[in-house]
């Protein structure tokens, strides 16, 4: 039941665009959509003394669409009633439903002219969309408006290849074959999930044949790629880039060339076609013939259906929910492809979305969808933010403010899955290119060299395992592990703020050589090291909660205690400890002026227990709380001689570190 306050507000202020009017809410509560527009619906639930002449006092988007559809049917000599529909989802606001019109019943388009003079006017918030098949004219209009109105914001090519335009292969959808081209040509790109579909691949043995007109029409192309051919042709365009066909898959040299220019390929495409609701390459593009959409919609009026509306923001953040409904959003390669694209034509099973650098718009809305724009392209936002807030001199790659953008990318990217473990850096290559273009970063094993000491301070979100593949990845980089990581356990606004990095963070260990061109996974390091046997280590029995971000910390937590008195806690380690503690050591990386607290210089830890939180200082009271009292340390496992492997990271009080009698040594991290 609606509250008196809500009823009063609707009467006084009207019905908001996204909400339902009181009579429609009551009809939905009674599972009686058929009564909308009937005498039983008029002013149902409203104060009788406010109603005049039995005319409806309130209208919302839902009843406007239904009443107009019934009137259109009546004027065309058809029955104006349909069987009562039962919706399979909770429908209490217009962001949860999409209206669908049958052929010749587009009352928000030309067919609506037949209702001129009807007192219930068309809705200016939502519009109906076609039932089974996409209206290609809408997509053409979206692209044309973006190219013609948005200017350089959406049309600029940010990731330019060195020298001449990038050499690529493209599919000519008119000729049905491959062509040799450059990224200067006008083309579309496809981003989709391979899944378990058997893919036709471009190989050395069939490459020359695929250059022949008509060759692709004879190949067992999967449905998503076929539908992309159809879409490009319907848009009156000609060229398409698809990974399976436009990369010679058994040519390692060509494959690496294409991987290194992913940023160029996707950014220079007119738009990227995104099959977001597909579970495999056989799923097709919903609404592109022969792949229908809206197969489970409910009829709510003559010529009018409704289907549950999916939020684009929800679909993109699938990795947070784990429903597996949008496999696309859980994959590393597709994450990169979406971020690098200037424009995206996004296919959900219910409708289309169009995203560019200026806005996001959907088929069923007249205006851009602000709520679904958030976070869709954080690289665009980062570029605009850096140029708006920082002068040319301040846009130095070692600016700690830029670290937050890198952090956001790593937190999300490491949550993604990939079929081939060795692709961990290949699928990140385009994002690296983008970050290098925006901030001037140079990378070594996924770590920006200019912020190297900060970027080493990642912690696991959950239990992690070493990445096993044909390619070796270092333990000191997140790329060397399988699992999601984050930085906010050790790097918070309290210690890395808008002040200069040097004011908050002092590097101690010296790494060399830090070179982008250096393919080695080994780092030569000089710094202080101490055996873990000089401390007492205890597994944390309680779960910890992040003091800043209200999120549980990994369960792989150990506290470090003074060897002189095991009750005196002096540090913490994030990571899984091997069973041979005698082979473990701590390396001092850096010192923090202030840790994660605004009231203390040393760190606070927060214990979580069934929703209740208990905070306390990490360090025992014997250890003085003061500036620079916290050292960041790397927990390493000795492999042989002076070669060590990272197993964890954490913090130790600087006084306890000195008491443990560290030695200054030169060693290798692998």
Foldseek 3Di string as FASTA:
>chain_A
DDDPVVLVCCLVPNDDQWFFHPLCVVCLVVLHLQCQVPLVSACPPHDPVVDDPSHHSHGYQVSLVLNLQLVLQVVVVHHWTDPRWGDPDDDGTNLWKAKAFEPLRQLVDPSVVVCPPPPRDHDQWWGHAYAWAHDLVVVLVVLCCCPVPVPCLLQPQQQADPDDFAWWWKAFLVQGAIDTDGLVDAEEEEFEAAAPDDADAAAPVCNVVRRHGPSNVPDPHAQQVVLVSQSCVVSVHTIYDYVRYTARVPPVVSVLSCLLCLLSNQASHSEYEYAQQDNHSNQHFGNRPPHTAPPPWIDSTVRMTMDTRDQLQCSLVVLVVVPCRGLLNQALLSLLSQQSHQWYFYGDRHFTWIDHLVAICTPTGPDGDVVNGPPSHVLSVLLVVCPVPDDPVCLALLFLVLVVSLQVCQQSNLSHDDDALVCSVSSCSSVQSSSCSRRVFFDDLSATPSNRLLQLQKFFQEAKDARDHPDQAFQSHPSRIRHGIGRLQWDDCVQRPNDGNVVWKFWFKDWPDPDSPDNDNKIKIWAWKFQLVQWDKAQDPFWWARPPPRHTGYSRKIWIHGPVDRVWTFKMKHFHDDPPSRQKMKTFTIFTQATHDPVFRADKIWTDDPHDIDIDGRGGPVQDTGGRQKTKIFMWGDDDDQETGTGIIIIGGPVSVVVSPIDIDIGMGD
